Amino acid sequence: MTTTRRSSRCTPREQHAGRGVGRAMVTHLLGIARERGLARVSLETGSMSAFAPARTLYTSAGFTACPPFADYAPSPNSTFMTLALTATPANRTAAERSPTVRANGVE
């Protein structure tokens, strides 16, 4: 069984910007990854200033910079990040332990 997956782009609609929807999405997806027994989640995002909020979000979720992975080539326009997962509840954030993730009224 493969225990490593990579994330494709997932961006909340502009009207949800700044309301915690992105954080709720990341938290939810990491919870699913843990439930499925994945060992790592890796992602590629832009390195331009427009992607700074995404990089800040990923960093706050525990992601760290990493070299290109899978079939990605190094690029000045890309930032690669990865997060090693554990299934133990003690290592989960409070939001991940919560049965329902709410982001400013959005479930």
PDB file of N, CA and C in Angstrom:
ATOM      1  N   MET A   1       0.847  -1.186   0.000  1.00  0.00           N
ATOM      2  CA  MET A   1       0.000   0.000   0.000  1.00  0.00           C
ATOM      3  C   MET A   1       0.890   1.246   0.000  1.00  0.00           C
ATOM      4  N   THR A   2       0.558   2.204  -0.836  1.00  0.00           N
ATOM      5  CA  THR A   2       1.287   3.463  -0.867  1.00  0.00           C
ATOM      6  C   THR A   2       0.849   4.307   0.317  1.00  0.00           C
ATOM      7  N   THR A   3       1.822   4.826   1.062  1.00  0.00           N
ATOM      8  CA  THR A   3       1.485   5.635   2.229  1.00  0.00           C
ATOM      9  C   THR A   3       1.870   7.095   2.044  1.00  0.00           C
ATOM     10  N   THR A   4       2.174   7.479   0.818  1.00  0.00           N
ATOM     11  CA  THR A   4       2.494   8.870   0.529  1.00  0.00           C
ATOM     12  C   THR A   4       1.585   9.350  -0.585  1.00  0.00           C
ATOM     13  N   ARG A   5       1.005  10.506  -0.427  1.00  0.00           N
ATOM     14  CA  ARG A   5       0.167  11.131  -1.442  1.00  0.00           C
ATOM     15  C   ARG A   5       0.596  12.574  -1.591  1.00  0.00           C
ATOM     16  N   ARG A   6       0.250  13.173  -2.700  1.00  0.00           N
ATOM     17  CA  ARG A   6       0.501  14.594  -2.870  1.00  0.00           C
ATOM     18  C   ARG A   6      -0.824  15.299  -3.099  1.00  0.00           C
ATOM     19  N   SER A   7      -0.870  16.535  -2.735  1.00  0.00           N
ATOM     20  CA  SER A   7      -2.090  17.321  -2.840  1.00  0.00           C
ATOM     21  C   SER A   7      -2.088  18.095  -4.146  1.00  0.00           C
ATOM     22  N   SER A   8      -3.227  18.145  -4.782  1.00  0.00           N
ATOM     23  CA  SER A   8      -3.400  19.021  -5.931  1.00  0.00           C
ATOM     24  C   SER A   8      -3.980  20.334  -5.429  1.00  0.00           C
ATOM     25  N   ARG A   9      -4.017  21.297  -6.304  1.00  0.00           N
ATOM     26  CA  ARG A   9      -4.489  22.626  -5.932  1.00  0.00           C
ATOM     27  C   ARG A   9      -5.921  22.582  -5.416  1.00  0.00           C
ATOM     28  N   CYS A  10      -6.129  23.204  -4.281  1.00  0.00           N
ATOM     29  CA  CYS A  10      -7.484  23.389  -3.762  1.00  0.00           C
ATOM     30  C   CYS A  10      -7.541  24.800  -3.185  1.00  0.00           C
ATOM     31  N   THR A  11      -8.372  25.610  -3.786  1.00  0.00           N
ATOM     32  CA  THR A  11      -8.452  27.017  -3.417  1.00  0.00           C
ATOM     33  C   THR A  11      -9.899  27.375  -3.135  1.00  0.00           C
ATOM     34  N   PRO A  12     -10.183  27.942  -1.955  1.00  0.00           N
ATOM     35  CA  PRO A  12     -11.557  28.374  -1.707  1.00  0.00           C
ATOM     36  C   PRO A  12     -11.919  29.543  -2.618  1.00  0.00           C
ATOM     37  N   ARG A  13     -13.172  29.689  -2.886  1.00  0.00           N
ATOM     38  CA  ARG A  13     -13.635  30.809  -3.708  1.00  0.00           C
ATOM     39  C   ARG A  13     -13.312  32.129  -3.022  1.00  0.00           C
ATOM     40  N   GLU A  14     -13.124  33.142  -3.842  1.00  0.00           N
ATOM     41  CA  GLU A  14     -12.693  34.450  -3.348  1.00  0.00           C
ATOM     42  C   GLU A  14     -13.615  35.000  -2.253  1.00  0.00           C
ATOM     43  N   GLN A  15     -14.917  34.758  -2.353  1.00  0.00           N
ATOM     44  CA  GLN A  15     -15.834  35.295  -1.349  1.00  0.00           C
ATOM     45  C   GLN A  15     -15.621  34.677   0.032  1.00  0.00           C
ATOM     46  N   HIS A  16     -14.867  33.579   0.086  1.00  0.00           N
ATOM     47  CA  HIS A  16     -14.582  32.929   1.369  1.00  0.00           C
ATOM     48  C   HIS A  16     -13.205  33.290   1.913  1.00  0.00           C
ATOM     49  N   ALA A  17     -12.454  34.114   1.178  1.00  0.00           N
ATOM     50  CA  ALA A  17     -11.097  34.481   1.600  1.00  0.00           C
ATOM     51  C   ALA A  17     -11.117  35.135   2.979  1.00  0.00           C
ATOM     52  N   GLY A  18     -10.184  34.709   3.826  1.00  0.00           N
ATOM     53  CA  GLY A  18     -10.058  35.291   5.162  1.00  0.00           C
ATOM     54  C   GLY A  18     -11.080  34.806   6.166  1.00  0.00           C
ATOM     55  N   ARG A  19     -11.891  33.828   5.817  1.00  0.00           N
ATOM     56  CA  ARG A  19     -12.940  33.337   6.718  1.00  0.00           C
ATOM     57  C   ARG A  19     -12.608  31.977   7.330  1.00  0.00           C
ATOM     58  N   GLY A  20     -11.404  31.471   7.088  1.00  0.00           N
ATOM     59  CA  GLY A  20     -11.010  30.201   7.674  1.00  0.00           C
ATOM     60  C   GLY A  20     -11.376  28.983   6.850  1.00  0.00           C
ATOM     61  N   VAL A  21     -11.897  29.191   5.659  1.00  0.00           N
ATOM     62  CA  VAL A  21     -12.297  28.058   4.827  1.00  0.00           C
ATOM     63  C   VAL A  21     -11.078  27.252   4.386  1.00  0.00           C
ATOM     64  N   GLY A  22     -10.008  27.933   3.979  1.00  0.00           N
ATOM     65  CA  GLY A  22      -8.794  27.233   3.581  1.00  0.00           C
ATOM     66  C   GLY A  22      -8.244  26.384   4.704  1.00  0.00           C
ATOM     67  N   ARG A  23      -8.207  26.943   5.913  1.00  0.00           N
ATOM     68  CA  ARG A  23      -7.717  26.194   7.076  1.00  0.00           C
ATOM     69  C   ARG A  23      -8.611  24.982   7.344  1.00  0.00           C
ATOM     70  N   ALA A  24      -9.913  25.174   7.223  1.00  0.00           N
ATOM     71  CA  ALA A  24     -10.837  24.055   7.437  1.00  0.00           C
ATOM     72  C   ALA A  24     -10.609  22.966   6.398  1.00  0.00           C
ATOM     73  N   MET A  25     -10.347  23.369   5.148  1.00  0.00           N
ATOM     74  CA  MET A  25     -10.086  22.390   4.091  1.00  0.00           C
ATOM     75  C   MET A  25      -8.815  21.605   4.384  1.00  0.00           C
ATOM     76  N   VAL A  26      -7.742  22.313   4.750  1.00  0.00           N
ATOM     77  CA  VAL A  26      -6.469  21.642   5.036  1.00  0.00           C
ATOM     78  C   VAL A  26      -6.635  20.695   6.224  1.00  0.00           C
ATOM     79  N   THR A  27      -7.277  21.159   7.274  1.00  0.00           N
ATOM     80  CA  THR A  27      -7.494  20.336   8.466  1.00  0.00           C
ATOM     81  C   THR A  27      -8.290  19.087   8.126  1.00  0.00           C
ATOM     82  N   HIS A  28      -9.343  19.262   7.337  1.00  0.00           N
ATOM     83  CA  HIS A  28     -10.183  18.130   6.948  1.00  0.00           C
ATOM     84  C   HIS A  28      -9.391  17.129   6.105  1.00  0.00           C
ATOM     85  N   LEU A  29      -8.670  17.628   5.112  1.00  0.00           N
ATOM     86  CA  LEU A  29      -7.903  16.735   4.238  1.00  0.00           C
ATOM     87  C   LEU A  29      -6.797  16.006   4.990  1.00  0.00           C
ATOM     88  N   LEU A  30      -6.148  16.679   5.938  1.00  0.00           N
ATOM     89  CA  LEU A  30      -5.121  16.002   6.741  1.00  0.00           C
ATOM     90  C   LEU A  30      -5.750  14.934   7.624  1.00  0.00           C
ATOM     91  N   GLY A  31      -6.939  15.204   8.140  1.00  0.00           N
ATOM     92  CA  GLY A  31      -7.645  14.196   8.931  1.00  0.00           C
ATOM     93  C   GLY A  31      -7.957  12.953   8.114  1.00  0.00           C
ATOM     94  N   ILE A  32      -8.415  13.158   6.877  1.00  0.00           N
ATOM     95  CA  ILE A  32      -8.694  12.025   5.988  1.00  0.00           C
ATOM     96  C   ILE A  32      -7.407  11.262   5.688  1.00  0.00           C
ATOM     97  N   ALA A  33      -6.335  11.980   5.416  1.00  0.00           N
ATOM     98  CA  ALA A  33      -5.056  11.324   5.124  1.00  0.00           C
ATOM     99  C   ALA A  33      -4.622  10.453   6.300  1.00  0.00           C
ATOM    100  N   ARG A  34      -4.778  10.971   7.510  1.00  0.00           N
ATOM    101  CA  ARG A  34      -4.408  10.187   8.696  1.00  0.00           C
ATOM    102  C   ARG A  34      -5.301   8.960   8.846  1.00  0.00           C
ATOM    103  N   GLU A  35      -6.609   9.157   8.650  1.00  0.00           N
ATOM    104  CA  GLU A  35      -7.538   8.032   8.767  1.00  0.00           C
ATOM    105  C   GLU A  35      -7.200   6.928   7.778  1.00  0.00           C
ATOM    106  N   ARG A  36      -6.703   7.299   6.613  1.00  0.00           N
ATOM    107  CA  ARG A  36      -6.357   6.317   5.583  1.00  0.00           C
ATOM    108  C   ARG A  36      -4.961   5.744   5.770  1.00  0.00           C
ATOM    109  N   GLY A  37      -4.278   6.184   6.821  1.00  0.00           N
ATOM    110  CA  GLY A  37      -2.979   5.626   7.141  1.00  0.00           C
ATOM    111  C   GLY A  37      -1.824   6.161   6.323  1.00  0.00           C
ATOM    112  N   LEU A  38      -2.005   7.308   5.687  1.00  0.00           N
ATOM    113  CA  LEU A  38      -0.909   7.870   4.907  1.00  0.00           C
ATOM    114  C   LEU A  38       0.200   8.344   5.834  1.00  0.00           C
ATOM    115  N   ALA A  39       1.416   8.221   5.392  1.00  0.00           N
ATOM    116  CA  ALA A  39       2.573   8.610   6.194  1.00  0.00           C
ATOM    117  C   ALA A  39       3.011  10.039   5.918  1.00  0.00           C
ATOM    118  N   ARG A  40       2.655  10.574   4.752  1.00  0.00           N
ATOM    119  CA  ARG A  40       3.153  11.893   4.358  1.00  0.00           C
ATOM    120  C   ARG A  40       2.200  12.537   3.365  1.00  0.00           C
ATOM    121  N   VAL A  41       2.077  13.857   3.450  1.00  0.00           N
ATOM    122  CA  VAL A  41       1.367  14.657   2.452  1.00  0.00           C
ATOM    123  C   VAL A  41       2.354  15.693   1.948  1.00  0.00           C
ATOM    124  N   SER A  42       2.494  15.792   0.631  1.00  0.00           N
ATOM    125  CA  SER A  42       3.393  16.763   0.018  1.00  0.00           C
ATOM    126  C   SER A  42       2.599  17.623  -0.943  1.00  0.00           C
ATOM    127  N   LEU A  43       3.035  18.853  -1.116  1.00  0.00           N
ATOM    128  CA  LEU A  43       2.324  19.757  -2.005  1.00  0.00           C
ATOM    129  C   LEU A  43       3.281  20.697  -2.700  1.00  0.00           C
ATOM    130  N   GLU A  44       2.809  21.255  -3.788  1.00  0.00           N
ATOM    131  CA  GLU A  44       3.524  22.279  -4.531  1.00  0.00           C
ATOM    132  C   GLU A  44       2.617  23.491  -4.571  1.00  0.00           C
ATOM    133  N   THR A  45       3.178  24.640  -4.285  1.00  0.00           N
ATOM    134  CA  THR A  45       2.433  25.890  -4.376  1.00  0.00           C
ATOM    135  C   THR A  45       3.348  26.931  -5.012  1.00  0.00           C
ATOM    136  N   GLY A  46       2.789  28.054  -5.367  1.00  0.00           N
ATOM    137  CA  GLY A  46       3.582  29.087  -6.017  1.00  0.00           C
ATOM    138  C   GLY A  46       4.549  29.761  -5.059  1.00  0.00           C
ATOM    139  N   SER A  47       5.623  30.285  -5.616  1.00  0.00           N
ATOM    140  CA  SER A  47       6.602  31.004  -4.808  1.00  0.00           C
ATOM    141  C   SER A  47       6.401  32.521  -4.885  1.00  0.00           C
ATOM    142  N   MET A  48       5.473  32.973  -5.719  1.00  0.00           N
ATOM    143  CA  MET A  48       5.215  34.398  -5.873  1.00  0.00           C
ATOM    144  C   MET A  48       4.452  34.941  -4.660  1.00  0.00           C
ATOM    145  N   SER A  49       4.453  36.252  -4.518  1.00  0.00           N
ATOM    146  CA  SER A  49       3.825  36.884  -3.354  1.00  0.00           C
ATOM    147  C   SER A  49       2.332  36.577  -3.259  1.00  0.00           C
ATOM    148  N   ALA A  50       1.677  36.341  -4.359  1.00  0.00           N
ATOM    149  CA  ALA A  50       0.242  36.027  -4.319  1.00  0.00           C
ATOM    150  C   ALA A  50      -0.038  34.727  -3.561  1.00  0.00           C
ATOM    151  N   PHE A  51       0.970  33.866  -3.463  1.00  0.00           N
ATOM    152  CA  PHE A  51       0.816  32.583  -2.776  1.00  0.00           C
ATOM    153  C   PHE A  51       1.288  32.626  -1.324  1.00  0.00           C
ATOM    154  N   ALA A  52       1.721  33.791  -0.851  1.00  0.00           N
ATOM    155  CA  ALA A  52       2.194  33.909   0.534  1.00  0.00           C
ATOM    156  C   ALA A  52       1.153  33.452   1.548  1.00  0.00           C
ATOM    157  N   PRO A  53      -0.138  33.821   1.397  1.00  0.00           N
ATOM    158  CA  PRO A  53      -1.127  33.331   2.373  1.00  0.00           C
ATOM    159  C   PRO A  53      -1.216  31.802   2.395  1.00  0.00           C
ATOM    160  N   ALA A  54      -1.115  31.165   1.239  1.00  0.00           N
ATOM    161  CA  ALA A  54      -1.165  29.703   1.205  1.00  0.00           C
ATOM    162  C   ALA A  54       0.048  29.109   1.913  1.00  0.00           C
ATOM    163  N   ARG A  55       1.222  29.661   1.647  1.00  0.00           N
ATOM    164  CA  ARG A  55       2.434  29.142   2.308  1.00  0.00           C
ATOM    165  C   ARG A  55       2.359  29.337   3.822  1.00  0.00           C
ATOM    166  N   THR A  56       1.820  30.467   4.253  1.00  0.00           N
ATOM    167  CA  THR A  56       1.650  30.720   5.689  1.00  0.00           C
ATOM    168  C   THR A  56       0.689  29.703   6.295  1.00  0.00           C
ATOM    169  N   LEU A  57      -0.406  29.431   5.606  1.00  0.00           N
ATOM    170  CA  LEU A  57      -1.374  28.437   6.074  1.00  0.00           C
ATOM    171  C   LEU A  57      -0.726  27.068   6.193  1.00  0.00           C
ATOM    172  N   TYR A  58      -0.022  26.649   5.154  1.00  0.00           N
ATOM    173  CA  TYR A  58       0.610  25.327   5.186  1.00  0.00           C
ATOM    174  C   TYR A  58       1.662  25.235   6.285  1.00  0.00           C
ATOM    175  N   THR A  59       2.440  26.294   6.461  1.00  0.00           N
ATOM    176  CA  THR A  59       3.448  26.300   7.525  1.00  0.00           C
ATOM    177  C   THR A  59       2.777  26.182   8.887  1.00  0.00           C
ATOM    178  N   SER A  60       1.679  26.901   9.082  1.00  0.00           N
ATOM    179  CA  SER A  60       0.983  26.835  10.378  1.00  0.00           C
ATOM    180  C   SER A  60       0.371  25.462  10.628  1.00  0.00           C
ATOM    181  N   ALA A  61       0.142  24.695   9.561  1.00  0.00           N
ATOM    182  CA  ALA A  61      -0.390  23.337   9.698  1.00  0.00           C
ATOM    183  C   ALA A  61       0.729  22.317   9.901  1.00  0.00           C
ATOM    184  N   GLY A  62       1.987  22.787   9.882  1.00  0.00           N
ATOM    185  CA  GLY A  62       3.106  21.889  10.147  1.00  0.00           C
ATOM    186  C   GLY A  62       3.932  21.514   8.930  1.00  0.00           C
ATOM    187  N   PHE A  63       3.543  21.962   7.752  1.00  0.00           N
ATOM    188  CA  PHE A  63       4.313  21.662   6.551  1.00  0.00           C
ATOM    189  C   PHE A  63       5.657  22.381   6.604  1.00  0.00           C
ATOM    190  N   THR A  64       6.671  21.758   6.035  1.00  0.00           N
ATOM    191  CA  THR A  64       7.996  22.363   5.934  1.00  0.00           C
ATOM    192  C   THR A  64       8.457  22.266   4.483  1.00  0.00           C
ATOM    193  N   ALA A  65       9.399  23.141   4.138  1.00  0.00           N
ATOM    194  CA  ALA A  65       9.946  23.136   2.783  1.00  0.00           C
ATOM    195  C   ALA A  65      10.660  21.820   2.523  1.00  0.00           C
ATOM    196  N   CYS A  66      10.604  21.376   1.281  1.00  0.00           N
ATOM    197  CA  CYS A  66      11.265  20.141   0.891  1.00  0.00           C
ATOM    198  C   CYS A  66      11.717  20.270  -0.558  1.00  0.00           C
ATOM    199  N   PRO A  67      12.561  19.354  -1.007  1.00  0.00           N
ATOM    200  CA  PRO A  67      12.951  19.360  -2.420  1.00  0.00           C
ATOM    201  C   PRO A  67      11.763  18.945  -3.291  1.00  0.00           C
ATOM    202  N   PRO A  68      11.860  19.185  -4.595  1.00  0.00           N
ATOM    203  CA  PRO A  68      10.801  18.691  -5.489  1.00  0.00           C
ATOM    204  C   PRO A  68      10.616  17.194  -5.303  1.00  0.00           C
ATOM    205  N   PHE A  69       9.410  16.734  -5.469  1.00  0.00           N
ATOM    206  CA  PHE A  69       9.079  15.329  -5.277  1.00  0.00           C
ATOM    207  C   PHE A  69       8.350  14.816  -6.510  1.00  0.00           C
ATOM    208  N   ALA A  70       8.137  13.523  -6.535  1.00  0.00           N
ATOM    209  CA  ALA A  70       7.442  12.859  -7.647  1.00  0.00           C
ATOM    210  C   ALA A  70       8.072  13.294  -8.965  1.00  0.00           C
ATOM    211  N   ASP A  71       7.272  13.766  -9.912  1.00  0.00           N
ATOM    212  CA  ASP A  71       7.813  14.142 -11.216  1.00  0.00           C
ATOM    213  C   ASP A  71       8.042  15.642 -11.363  1.00  0.00           C
ATOM    214  N   TYR A  72       8.012  16.376 -10.251  1.00  0.00           N
ATOM    215  CA  TYR A  72       8.259  17.820 -10.299  1.00  0.00           C
ATOM    216  C   TYR A  72       9.749  18.098 -10.532  1.00  0.00           C
ATOM    217  N   ALA A  73      10.006  19.143 -11.291  1.00  0.00           N
ATOM    218  CA  ALA A  73      11.380  19.622 -11.494  1.00  0.00           C
ATOM    219  C   ALA A  73      11.551  20.912 -10.697  1.00  0.00           C
ATOM    220  N   PRO A  74      12.745  21.238 -10.271  1.00  0.00           N
ATOM    221  CA  PRO A  74      12.962  22.508  -9.576  1.00  0.00           C
ATOM    222  C   PRO A  74      12.484  23.670 -10.455  1.00  0.00           C
ATOM    223  N   SER A  75      11.873  24.651  -9.821  1.00  0.00           N
ATOM    224  CA  SER A  75      11.374  25.813 -10.547  1.00  0.00           C
ATOM    225  C   SER A  75      11.395  27.017  -9.621  1.00  0.00           C
ATOM    226  N   PRO A  76      11.803  28.175 -10.127  1.00  0.00           N
ATOM    227  CA  PRO A  76      11.768  29.377  -9.288  1.00  0.00           C
ATOM    228  C   PRO A  76      10.336  29.818  -8.981  1.00  0.00           C
ATOM    229  N   ASN A  77       9.371  29.267  -9.702  1.00  0.00           N
ATOM    230  CA  ASN A  77       7.964  29.623  -9.474  1.00  0.00           C
ATOM    231  C   ASN A  77       7.253  28.674  -8.520  1.00  0.00           C
ATOM    232  N   SER A  78       7.961  27.684  -8.005  1.00  0.00           N
ATOM    233  CA  SER A  78       7.338  26.673  -7.151  1.00  0.00           C
ATOM    234  C   SER A  78       7.991  26.614  -5.787  1.00  0.00           C
ATOM    235  N   THR A  79       7.158  26.359  -4.791  1.00  0.00           N
ATOM    236  CA  THR A  79       7.604  26.046  -3.438  1.00  0.00           C
ATOM    237  C   THR A  79       7.052  24.665  -3.127  1.00  0.00           C
ATOM    238  N   PHE A  80       7.908  23.771  -2.675  1.00  0.00           N
ATOM    239  CA  PHE A  80       7.511  22.408  -2.348  1.00  0.00           C
ATOM    240  C   PHE A  80       7.499  22.262  -0.833  1.00  0.00           C
ATOM    241  N   MET A  81       6.457  21.625  -0.331  1.00  0.00           N
ATOM    242  CA  MET A  81       6.301  21.473   1.116  1.00  0.00           C
ATOM    243  C   MET A  81       5.828  20.063   1.419  1.00  0.00           C
ATOM    244  N   THR A  82       6.147  19.592   2.623  1.00  0.00           N
ATOM    245  CA  THR A  82       5.757  18.246   3.010  1.00  0.00           C
ATOM    246  C   THR A  82       5.429  18.201   4.497  1.00  0.00           C
ATOM    247  N   LEU A  83       4.633  17.218   4.863  1.00  0.00           N
ATOM    248  CA  LEU A  83       4.242  17.016   6.256  1.00  0.00           C
ATOM    249  C   LEU A  83       4.199  15.524   6.534  1.00  0.00           C
ATOM    250  N   ALA A  84       5.007  15.068   7.490  1.00  0.00           N
ATOM    251  CA  ALA A  84       4.945  13.676   7.939  1.00  0.00           C
ATOM    252  C   ALA A  84       3.746  13.558   8.873  1.00  0.00           C
ATOM    253  N   LEU A  85       2.939  12.536   8.657  1.00  0.00           N
ATOM    254  CA  LEU A  85       1.718  12.348   9.445  1.00  0.00           C
ATOM    255  C   LEU A  85       1.894  11.257  10.476  1.00  0.00           C
ATOM    256  N   THR A  86       1.169  11.388  11.540  1.00  0.00           N
ATOM    257  CA  THR A  86       1.063  10.336  12.542  1.00  0.00           C
ATOM    258  C   THR A  86      -0.410  10.141  12.828  1.00  0.00           C
ATOM    259  N   ALA A  87      -0.781   8.967  13.211  1.00  0.00           N
ATOM    260  CA  ALA A  87      -2.185   8.668  13.472  1.00  0.00           C
ATOM    261  C   ALA A  87      -2.557   8.838  14.930  1.00  0.00           C
ATOM    262  N   THR A  88      -1.608   9.180  15.770  1.00  0.00           N
ATOM    263  CA  THR A  88      -1.902   9.270  17.193  1.00  0.00           C
ATOM    264  C   THR A  88      -2.641  10.564  17.510  1.00  0.00           C
ATOM    265  N   PRO A  89      -3.731  10.490  18.249  1.00  0.00           N
ATOM    266  CA  PRO A  89      -4.507  11.678  18.578  1.00  0.00           C
ATOM    267  C   PRO A  89      -3.693  12.749  19.302  1.00  0.00           C
ATOM    268  N   ALA A  90      -2.691  12.372  20.063  1.00  0.00           N
ATOM    269  CA  ALA A  90      -1.905  13.355  20.818  1.00  0.00           C
ATOM    270  C   ALA A  90      -1.161  14.318  19.904  1.00  0.00           C
ATOM    271  N   ASN A  91      -0.858  13.900  18.690  1.00  0.00           N
ATOM    272  CA  ASN A  91      -0.122  14.746  17.760  1.00  0.00           C
ATOM    273  C   ASN A  91      -1.029  15.568  16.853  1.00  0.00           C
ATOM    274  N   ARG A  92      -2.319  15.432  17.006  1.00  0.00           N
ATOM    275  CA  ARG A  92      -3.244  16.200  16.187  1.00  0.00           C
ATOM    276  C   ARG A  92      -3.512  17.550  16.827  1.00  0.00           C
ATOM    277  N   THR A  93      -3.841  18.516  15.981  1.00  0.00           N
ATOM    278  CA  THR A  93      -4.209  19.832  16.502  1.00  0.00           C
ATOM    279  C   THR A  93      -5.593  19.751  17.129  1.00  0.00           C
ATOM    280  N   ALA A  94      -5.956  20.758  17.904  1.00  0.00           N
ATOM    281  CA  ALA A  94      -7.284  20.785  18.518  1.00  0.00           C
ATOM    282  C   ALA A  94      -8.372  20.710  17.457  1.00  0.00           C
ATOM    283  N   ALA A  95      -8.179  21.405  16.339  1.00  0.00           N
ATOM    284  CA  ALA A  95      -9.181  21.390  15.272  1.00  0.00           C
ATOM    285  C   ALA A  95      -9.333  19.990  14.687  1.00  0.00           C
ATOM    286  N   GLU A  96      -8.242  19.252  14.574  1.00  0.00           N
ATOM    287  CA  GLU A  96      -8.314  17.906  14.023  1.00  0.00           C
ATOM    288  C   GLU A  96      -8.976  16.937  14.992  1.00  0.00           C
ATOM    289  N   ARG A  97      -8.860  17.192  16.305  1.00  0.00           N
ATOM    290  CA  ARG A  97      -9.493  16.322  17.291  1.00  0.00           C
ATOM    291  C   ARG A  97     -10.981  16.608  17.393  1.00  0.00           C
ATOM    292  N   SER A  98     -11.405  17.795  16.972  1.00  0.00           N
ATOM    293  CA  SER A  98     -12.805  18.179  17.044  1.00  0.00           C
ATOM    294  C   SER A  98     -13.613  17.370  16.040  1.00  0.00           C
ATOM    295  N   PRO A  99     -14.795  16.864  16.426  1.00  0.00           N
ATOM    296  CA  PRO A  99     -15.581  16.072  15.493  1.00  0.00           C
ATOM    297  C   PRO A  99     -16.125  16.899  14.330  1.00  0.00           C
ATOM    298  N   THR A 100     -16.304  18.199  14.516  1.00  0.00           N
ATOM    299  CA  THR A 100     -16.805  19.077  13.469  1.00  0.00           C
ATOM    300  C   THR A 100     -15.879  20.272  13.355  1.00  0.00           C
ATOM    301  N   VAL A 101     -15.422  20.547  12.158  1.00  0.00           N
ATOM    302  CA  VAL A 101     -14.571  21.705  11.918  1.00  0.00           C
ATOM    303  C   VAL A 101     -15.459  22.832  11.450  1.00  0.00           C
ATOM    304  N   ARG A 102     -15.434  23.941  12.163  1.00  0.00           N
ATOM    305  CA  ARG A 102     -16.220  25.105  11.772  1.00  0.00           C
ATOM    306  C   ARG A 102     -15.268  26.242  11.451  1.00  0.00           C
ATOM    307  N   ALA A 103     -15.553  26.923  10.372  1.00  0.00           N
ATOM    308  CA  ALA A 103     -14.764  28.085   9.978  1.00  0.00           C
ATOM    309  C   ALA A 103     -15.732  29.237   9.752  1.00  0.00           C
ATOM    310  N   ASN A 104     -15.858  30.087  10.750  1.00  0.00           N
ATOM    311  CA  ASN A 104     -16.764  31.231  10.660  1.00  0.00           C
ATOM    312  C   ASN A 104     -18.140  30.830  10.168  1.00  0.00           C
ATOM    313  N   GLY A 105     -18.692  29.803  10.755  1.00  0.00           N
ATOM    314  CA  GLY A 105     -20.042  29.371  10.424  1.00  0.00           C
ATOM    315  C   GLY A 105     -20.113  28.395   9.278  1.00  0.00           C
ATOM    316  N   VAL A 106     -18.994  28.076   8.634  1.00  0.00           N
ATOM    317  CA  VAL A 106     -18.994  27.135   7.515  1.00  0.00           C
ATOM    318  C   VAL A 106     -18.601  25.769   8.043  1.00  0.00           C
ATOM    319  N   GLU A 107     -19.399  24.743   7.764  1.00  0.00           N
ATOM    320  CA  GLU A 107     -19.063  23.376   8.185  1.00  0.00           C
ATOM    321  C   GLU A 107     -18.686  22.557   6.992  1.00  0.00           C
TER     322      GLU A 107
END
